[in-house]
């Protein structure tokens, strides 16, 4: 499949591009700045498209078979960017996918978004945006999978994870490498048992391939 990676220049997004390059799929990396193009090609993107999530980016969907939405406004921005990128960017991406006949849509969510009121005040706008984006994606006719990782780390990929459809009771002291999150986002593309599923994921002691079969 030719997979459009939205948020390809982010920390998880760059790992997704690398994962796709090492798989049977191809990556079309969507970036906002021209100076980011060469780096994404070095990571293995077969194509890089320039587009802005806060504008019309429907042209990026031409010729693609699936979407991985891994975009995020980042911790240094305010609630306004969280709305326009994390929430509205996802909504537009899902609509463009439907308009272009792209059925497979994998979205990077977040643990804690199942109950934004339970999080701290600083995180609440982000979790509300993620929860709403997930619910709006679920209301589409797309073959979606929503992956909600816990705290992210920069450790090397282990391909050892634990997944939960019900949600973990606690993530205290636990995290997951960004590289493992990217591995999961790519691995689920061909797994029909993950269609129309929302699940949480943390680093664990079981192979990712085995854990994903349980969903």
Protein backbone atom coordinates (compact mmCIF):
# COMPACT_ATOMS: atom_id res chain seq x y z
CA UNK A 1 0.00 0.00 0.00
CA UNK A 2 0.98 3.59 -0.56
CA UNK A 3 0.48 5.12 2.89
CA UNK A 4 0.05 8.85 3.48
CA UNK A 5 1.80 9.78 6.72
CA UNK A 6 0.28 12.97 8.14
CA UNK A 7 2.62 14.51 10.69
CA UNK A 8 5.59 12.82 9.06
CA UNK A 9 8.11 15.28 10.49
CA UNK A 10 7.04 14.64 14.08
CA UNK A 11 8.96 12.33 16.38
CA UNK A 12 6.55 9.44 15.92
CA UNK A 13 5.93 10.34 12.28
CA UNK A 14 9.59 10.04 11.34
CA UNK A 15 9.67 6.59 12.90
CA UNK A 16 6.54 5.67 10.94
CA UNK A 17 8.24 6.64 7.68
CA UNK A 18 11.24 4.46 8.60
CA UNK A 19 8.95 1.53 9.48
CA UNK A 20 7.09 1.82 6.20
CA UNK A 21 10.35 1.94 4.24
CA UNK A 22 11.39 -1.33 5.91
CA UNK A 23 8.01 -2.97 5.20
CA UNK A 24 6.18 -3.97 2.03
CA UNK A 25 4.42 -0.60 2.04
CA UNK A 26 5.47 2.76 0.64
CA UNK A 27 5.42 6.05 2.52
CA UNK A 28 4.09 9.31 1.15
CA UNK A 29 5.27 11.79 3.76
CA UNK A 30 3.25 14.96 4.27
CA UNK A 31 5.28 17.90 5.60
CA UNK A 32 4.67 21.61 5.96
CA UNK A 33 8.11 23.02 5.17
CA UNK A 34 10.25 22.57 2.08
CA UNK A 35 13.41 22.21 4.17
CA UNK A 36 11.95 19.03 5.70
CA UNK A 37 11.72 17.19 2.37
CA UNK A 38 15.30 15.88 2.12
CA UNK A 39 15.25 14.47 5.65
CA UNK A 40 12.07 12.50 4.99
CA UNK A 41 13.51 11.11 1.77
CA UNK A 42 16.62 10.04 3.69
CA UNK A 43 14.34 8.18 6.13
CA UNK A 44 12.86 6.23 3.21
CA UNK A 45 9.81 8.15 2.02
CA UNK A 46 9.09 7.26 -1.60
CA UNK A 47 7.31 10.59 -2.02
CA UNK A 48 7.07 13.81 -0.03
CA UNK A 49 4.17 16.23 -0.41
CA UNK A 50 4.03 19.80 0.88
CA UNK A 51 0.77 20.59 2.66
CA UNK A 52 -0.50 22.48 5.69
CA UNK A 53 -2.92 20.85 8.13
CA UNK A 54 -4.45 24.22 8.87
CA UNK A 55 -5.35 24.73 5.21
CA UNK A 56 -6.78 22.56 2.42
CA UNK A 57 -4.53 19.50 2.10
CA UNK A 58 -6.86 17.27 0.07
CA UNK A 59 -4.35 17.04 -2.81
CA UNK A 60 -2.08 14.96 -0.56
CA UNK A 61 -4.57 12.07 -0.81
CA UNK A 62 -4.13 11.54 -4.54
CA UNK A 63 -2.92 8.01 -5.30
CA UNK A 64 -2.74 6.78 -1.70
CA UNK A 65 -4.30 3.59 -0.32
CA UNK A 66 -4.21 4.25 3.42
CA UNK A 67 -3.58 7.01 5.94
CA UNK A 68 -1.64 7.15 9.19
CA UNK A 69 -2.56 10.31 11.08
CA UNK A 70 0.30 10.97 13.51
CA UNK A 71 0.12 14.76 13.62
CA UNK A 72 0.16 16.79 16.80
CA UNK A 73 0.62 20.42 17.69
CA UNK A 74 3.27 19.64 20.31
CA UNK A 75 3.70 20.76 23.92
CA UNK A 76 4.97 24.25 23.11
CA UNK A 77 1.75 25.48 21.49
CA UNK A 78 -1.52 26.61 23.01
CA UNK A 79 -5.04 25.25 23.00
CA UNK A 80 -5.74 27.06 19.72
CA UNK A 81 -3.26 24.90 17.80
CA UNK A 82 -4.48 21.80 19.61
CA UNK A 83 -7.92 22.52 18.17
CA UNK A 84 -6.80 23.31 14.63
CA UNK A 85 -4.22 20.53 14.30
CA UNK A 86 -4.99 17.64 16.66
CA UNK A 87 -8.77 17.94 16.28
CA UNK A 88 -9.69 19.81 13.10
CA UNK A 89 -6.73 18.38 11.18
CA UNK A 90 -7.95 14.86 11.97
CA UNK A 91 -11.53 15.71 11.02
CA UNK A 92 -10.43 17.11 7.66
CA UNK A 93 -8.14 14.15 6.99
CA UNK A 94 -10.99 11.70 7.59
CA UNK A 95 -13.26 13.70 5.30
CA UNK A 96 -10.64 13.87 2.53
CA UNK A 97 -10.08 10.12 2.86
CA UNK A 98 -13.77 9.47 2.39
CA UNK A 99 -13.95 11.90 -0.54
CA UNK A 100 -11.00 10.19 -2.26
CA UNK A 101 -12.17 6.64 -1.57
CA UNK A 102 -9.31 5.85 0.84
CA UNK A 103 -10.83 3.39 3.31
CA UNK A 104 -7.98 2.49 5.68
CA UNK A 105 -7.27 5.10 8.35
CA UNK A 106 -4.98 4.60 11.36
CA UNK A 107 -4.97 7.36 13.96
CA UNK A 108 -2.51 8.09 16.75
CA UNK A 109 -4.49 8.92 19.86
CA UNK A 110 -3.52 9.16 23.50
CA UNK A 111 -4.07 7.32 26.74
CA UNK A 112 -6.15 9.45 29.06
CA UNK A 113 -8.46 10.64 26.30
CA UNK A 114 -11.12 8.15 27.41
CA UNK A 115 -11.69 10.46 30.41
CA UNK A 116 -10.22 13.95 29.89
CA UNK A 117 -11.72 15.18 33.17
CA UNK A 118 -9.47 12.79 35.08
CA UNK A 119 -6.29 14.40 33.71
CA UNK A 120 -4.59 17.55 34.90
CA UNK A 121 -5.85 20.95 33.81
CA UNK A 122 -2.81 21.52 31.58
CA UNK A 123 -3.51 18.33 29.64
CA UNK A 124 -7.28 18.69 29.46
CA UNK A 125 -7.54 20.65 26.16
CA UNK A 126 -5.26 18.11 24.47
CA UNK A 127 -7.18 15.11 25.81
CA UNK A 128 -10.54 16.66 24.89
CA UNK A 129 -9.29 17.31 21.35
CA UNK A 130 -8.00 13.74 21.03
CA UNK A 131 -11.18 12.22 22.45
CA UNK A 132 -13.37 14.29 20.11
CA UNK A 133 -11.20 13.52 17.07
CA UNK A 134 -11.43 9.81 17.87
CA UNK A 135 -15.21 9.90 18.25
CA UNK A 136 -15.68 11.77 14.99
CA UNK A 137 -13.45 9.26 13.20
CA UNK A 138 -15.51 6.43 14.66
CA UNK A 139 -18.65 8.01 13.16
CA UNK A 140 -17.27 7.73 9.60
CA UNK A 141 -17.49 4.76 7.24
CA UNK A 142 -13.71 4.34 7.24
CA UNK A 143 -11.90 1.18 8.31
CA UNK A 144 -10.28 2.94 11.23
CA UNK A 145 -7.92 1.84 13.98
CA UNK A 146 -7.16 4.20 16.86
CA UNK A 147 -3.95 3.53 18.78
CA UNK A 148 -3.64 5.21 22.19
CA UNK A 149 -0.14 4.96 23.62
CA UNK A 150 0.92 5.91 27.11
CA UNK A 151 3.85 8.17 27.99
CA UNK A 152 6.36 8.23 25.13
CA UNK A 153 10.10 7.60 25.48
CA UNK A 154 13.09 7.73 23.16
CA UNK A 155 14.29 4.23 23.99
CA UNK A 156 15.17 1.86 21.16
CA UNK A 157 12.43 -0.21 19.57
CA UNK A 158 11.80 -3.47 21.43
CA UNK A 159 8.70 -4.75 19.55
CA UNK A 160 7.50 -5.92 22.97
CA UNK A 161 4.17 -4.42 23.97
CA UNK A 162 0.99 -4.88 25.97
CA UNK A 163 -2.39 -3.84 24.55
CA UNK A 164 -5.77 -3.28 26.16
CA UNK A 165 -9.20 -2.70 24.64
CA UNK A 166 -10.70 -1.82 28.03
CA UNK A 167 -7.92 0.58 29.03
CA UNK A 168 -5.17 0.15 31.58
CA UNK A 169 -6.09 0.82 35.19
CA UNK A 170 -2.78 2.58 35.69
CA UNK A 171 0.26 3.57 33.65
CA UNK A 172 2.33 4.66 36.64
CA UNK A 173 6.01 3.97 35.98
CA UNK A 174 5.27 2.69 32.48
CA UNK A 175 5.86 4.15 29.02
CA UNK A 176 6.44 3.06 25.43
CA UNK A 177 9.21 3.99 22.97
CA UNK A 178 8.10 6.17 20.07
CA UNK A 179 9.70 3.62 17.76
CA UNK A 180 7.40 0.92 19.13
CA UNK A 181 4.36 3.15 18.68
CA UNK A 182 5.37 3.65 15.04
CA UNK A 183 5.82 -0.10 14.65
CA UNK A 184 2.28 -0.68 15.90
CA UNK A 185 0.80 2.02 13.65
CA UNK A 186 2.35 0.32 10.62
CA UNK A 187 1.74 -3.26 11.77
CA UNK A 188 -2.02 -2.79 12.14
CA UNK A 189 -2.44 -1.58 8.54
CA UNK A 190 -3.01 -5.12 7.22
CA UNK A 191 -4.69 -6.54 10.31
CA UNK A 192 -8.43 -6.69 9.65
CA UNK A 193 -9.02 -7.73 13.26
CA UNK A 194 -7.99 -4.20 14.27
CA UNK A 195 -10.58 -2.52 12.03
CA UNK A 196 -13.00 -0.34 13.99
CA UNK A 197 -11.04 -0.86 17.19
CA UNK A 198 -9.65 1.56 19.77
CA UNK A 199 -6.92 0.24 22.02
CA UNK A 200 -4.27 1.41 24.46
CA UNK A 201 -0.67 0.28 24.24
CA UNK A 202 2.33 0.28 26.57
CA UNK A 203 5.69 -1.39 26.50
CA UNK A 204 5.35 -4.97 27.64
CA UNK A 205 7.01 -8.38 27.49
CA UNK A 206 5.08 -9.95 24.59
CA UNK A 207 5.93 -9.66 20.88
CA UNK A 208 3.86 -6.98 19.18
CA UNK A 209 2.74 -9.43 16.50
CA UNK A 210 1.24 -11.73 19.13
CA UNK A 211 -0.40 -8.98 21.18
CA UNK A 212 -2.06 -7.43 18.13
CA UNK A 213 -3.64 -10.78 17.26
CA UNK A 214 -5.61 -10.61 20.52
CA UNK A 215 -7.56 -7.50 19.54
